[in-house]
Structure formats: C-alpha cells, structure tokens
C-alpha cells in the first residue's frame, strides 16, 4: 500500500458527478408526489366548496 503525503492527497480528483440516474429518479418521484398531493388537495377543496361529496 502506498502512503500519500498531504500535498498528494490535495491533488486527488475524481468521484461521481452530482447528477446521477438515481438522483434524477428520486427528483422526478418527489416532483410527481408533490403534484399528486396538490391535485388531491385541489379536488377536495373544490368538492367542499361545491358541496358534492360521495355518499356511502
């Protein structure tokens, strides 16, 4: 195993980039979830204002 000094450690470059497939998948799922919550909230507000509830 090679031991590196502090100067050599500072020069190391590499690693994964910020935008990966898993990050994009998580972001799209989060946006989709927020849209679904907004859609259901808007529908419930509209039903409450119009007074049209589903009777069981």
N, C-alpha and C. Protein backbone atom coordinates (compact mmCIF):
# COMPACT_ATOMS: atom_id res chain seq x y z
N UNK A 1 0.84 -1.17 0.00
CA UNK A 1 0.00 0.00 0.00
C UNK A 1 0.89 1.24 0.00
N UNK A 2 0.53 2.22 -0.81
CA UNK A 2 1.31 3.45 -0.91
C UNK A 2 0.72 4.49 0.03
N UNK A 3 1.57 5.10 0.83
CA UNK A 3 1.13 6.19 1.69
C UNK A 3 1.37 7.51 0.99
N UNK A 4 0.37 8.38 1.01
CA UNK A 4 0.47 9.68 0.35
C UNK A 4 0.64 10.76 1.41
N UNK A 5 1.39 11.78 1.03
CA UNK A 5 1.52 12.91 1.96
C UNK A 5 0.37 13.89 1.71
N UNK A 6 0.29 14.93 2.51
CA UNK A 6 -0.83 15.88 2.44
C UNK A 6 -0.91 16.57 1.09
N UNK A 7 0.22 16.91 0.49
CA UNK A 7 0.22 17.59 -0.80
C UNK A 7 -0.35 16.69 -1.89
N UNK A 8 0.01 15.42 -1.86
CA UNK A 8 -0.50 14.47 -2.84
C UNK A 8 -2.00 14.20 -2.63
N UNK A 9 -2.43 14.17 -1.38
CA UNK A 9 -3.84 13.97 -1.10
C UNK A 9 -4.70 15.12 -1.62
N UNK A 10 -4.17 16.33 -1.58
CA UNK A 10 -4.92 17.50 -2.05
C UNK A 10 -5.09 17.48 -3.57
N UNK A 11 -4.24 16.77 -4.29
CA UNK A 11 -4.29 16.74 -5.75
C UNK A 11 -5.15 15.62 -6.31
N UNK A 12 -5.77 14.82 -5.47
CA UNK A 12 -6.60 13.72 -5.95
C UNK A 12 -7.91 14.27 -6.50
N UNK A 13 -8.26 13.86 -7.72
CA UNK A 13 -9.50 14.27 -8.36
C UNK A 13 -10.29 13.02 -8.73
N UNK A 14 -11.58 13.18 -8.83
CA UNK A 14 -12.40 12.06 -9.25
C UNK A 14 -13.65 11.96 -8.42
N UNK A 15 -14.37 10.88 -8.59
CA UNK A 15 -15.61 10.66 -7.87
C UNK A 15 -16.79 10.80 -8.80
N UNK A 16 -17.93 10.47 -8.28
CA UNK A 16 -19.15 10.53 -9.07
C UNK A 16 -19.60 11.98 -9.22
N UNK A 17 -20.21 12.26 -10.34
CA UNK A 17 -20.76 13.59 -10.53
C UNK A 17 -22.05 13.73 -9.74
N UNK A 18 -22.53 14.95 -9.60
CA UNK A 18 -23.71 15.23 -8.79
C UNK A 18 -24.97 14.67 -9.43
N UNK A 19 -25.08 14.77 -10.74
CA UNK A 19 -26.29 14.33 -11.43
C UNK A 19 -26.11 12.88 -11.87
N UNK A 20 -26.75 11.98 -11.14
CA UNK A 20 -26.70 10.57 -11.47
C UNK A 20 -28.11 10.09 -11.79
N UNK A 21 -28.22 8.87 -12.27
CA UNK A 21 -29.52 8.32 -12.61
C UNK A 21 -30.39 8.19 -11.37
N UNK A 22 -29.82 7.78 -10.26
CA UNK A 22 -30.61 7.63 -9.04
C UNK A 22 -31.08 8.99 -8.52
N UNK A 23 -30.26 10.02 -8.67
CA UNK A 23 -30.67 11.37 -8.26
C UNK A 23 -31.82 11.87 -9.12
N UNK A 24 -31.74 11.66 -10.43
CA UNK A 24 -32.81 12.09 -11.33
C UNK A 24 -34.10 11.32 -11.04
N UNK A 25 -33.99 10.03 -10.74
CA UNK A 25 -35.16 9.23 -10.42
C UNK A 25 -35.80 9.72 -9.14
N UNK A 26 -35.02 10.00 -8.13
CA UNK A 26 -35.56 10.49 -6.86
C UNK A 26 -36.20 11.86 -7.03
N UNK A 27 -35.59 12.73 -7.82
CA UNK A 27 -36.14 14.06 -8.05
C UNK A 27 -37.46 13.99 -8.80
N UNK A 28 -37.55 13.13 -9.80
CA UNK A 28 -38.80 13.01 -10.56
C UNK A 28 -39.90 12.41 -9.70
N UNK A 29 -39.56 11.47 -8.83
CA UNK A 29 -40.56 10.89 -7.93
C UNK A 29 -41.04 11.94 -6.92
N UNK A 30 -40.14 12.77 -6.44
CA UNK A 30 -40.53 13.82 -5.49
C UNK A 30 -41.46 14.83 -6.16
N UNK A 31 -41.14 15.23 -7.36
CA UNK A 31 -42.00 16.17 -8.09
C UNK A 31 -43.36 15.54 -8.37
N UNK A 32 -43.37 14.28 -8.75
CA UNK A 32 -44.63 13.59 -9.01
C UNK A 32 -45.49 13.49 -7.75
N UNK A 33 -44.85 13.21 -6.62
CA UNK A 33 -45.59 13.12 -5.36
C UNK A 33 -46.18 14.47 -4.97
N UNK A 34 -45.41 15.53 -5.14
CA UNK A 34 -45.90 16.88 -4.83
C UNK A 34 -47.07 17.24 -5.73
N UNK A 35 -46.98 16.88 -7.01
CA UNK A 35 -48.08 17.15 -7.94
C UNK A 35 -49.34 16.37 -7.55
N UNK A 36 -49.20 15.12 -7.15
CA UNK A 36 -50.34 14.32 -6.73
C UNK A 36 -51.00 14.89 -5.48
N UNK A 37 -50.20 15.32 -4.52
CA UNK A 37 -50.74 15.92 -3.30
C UNK A 37 -51.51 17.20 -3.65
N UNK A 38 -50.95 18.03 -4.50
CA UNK A 38 -51.63 19.25 -4.91
C UNK A 38 -52.92 18.97 -5.65
N UNK A 39 -52.91 17.96 -6.50
CA UNK A 39 -54.10 17.61 -7.26
C UNK A 39 -55.21 17.12 -6.33
N UNK A 40 -54.87 16.25 -5.37
CA UNK A 40 -55.89 15.74 -4.46
C UNK A 40 -56.38 16.83 -3.51
N UNK A 41 -55.49 17.71 -3.09
CA UNK A 41 -55.91 18.82 -2.23
C UNK A 41 -56.84 19.77 -2.98
N UNK A 42 -56.52 20.07 -4.22
CA UNK A 42 -57.38 20.93 -5.03
C UNK A 42 -58.74 20.31 -5.28
N UNK A 43 -58.77 19.00 -5.51
CA UNK A 43 -60.05 18.32 -5.73
C UNK A 43 -60.89 18.34 -4.47
N UNK A 44 -60.27 18.12 -3.31
CA UNK A 44 -61.04 18.12 -2.06
C UNK A 44 -61.55 19.51 -1.74
N UNK A 45 -60.78 20.54 -2.03
CA UNK A 45 -61.25 21.91 -1.81
C UNK A 45 -62.42 22.22 -2.73
N UNK A 46 -62.31 21.81 -3.99
CA UNK A 46 -63.39 22.06 -4.94
C UNK A 46 -64.66 21.32 -4.54
N UNK A 47 -64.53 20.06 -4.07
CA UNK A 47 -65.70 19.31 -3.63
C UNK A 47 -66.32 19.93 -2.39
N UNK A 48 -65.49 20.46 -1.49
CA UNK A 48 -66.01 21.09 -0.27
C UNK A 48 -66.77 22.37 -0.60
N UNK A 49 -66.27 23.13 -1.55
CA UNK A 49 -66.93 24.39 -1.93
C UNK A 49 -68.25 24.11 -2.65
N UNK A 50 -68.24 23.14 -3.55
CA UNK A 50 -69.45 22.81 -4.31
C UNK A 50 -70.43 21.97 -3.50
N UNK A 51 -69.98 21.38 -2.43
CA UNK A 51 -70.86 20.54 -1.63
C UNK A 51 -71.14 19.20 -2.23
N UNK A 52 -70.33 18.75 -3.14
CA UNK A 52 -70.56 17.45 -3.78
C UNK A 52 -69.63 16.41 -3.15
N UNK A 53 -70.17 15.70 -2.17
CA UNK A 53 -69.42 14.64 -1.51
C UNK A 53 -69.96 13.29 -1.96
N UNK A 54 -69.14 12.27 -1.90
CA UNK A 54 -69.59 10.93 -2.21
C UNK A 54 -70.29 10.37 -0.97
N UNK A 55 -71.53 9.92 -1.13
CA UNK A 55 -72.25 9.34 0.00
C UNK A 55 -72.02 7.83 -0.01
N UNK A 56 -71.86 7.31 1.18
CA UNK A 56 -71.58 5.87 1.30
C UNK A 56 -72.87 5.11 1.50
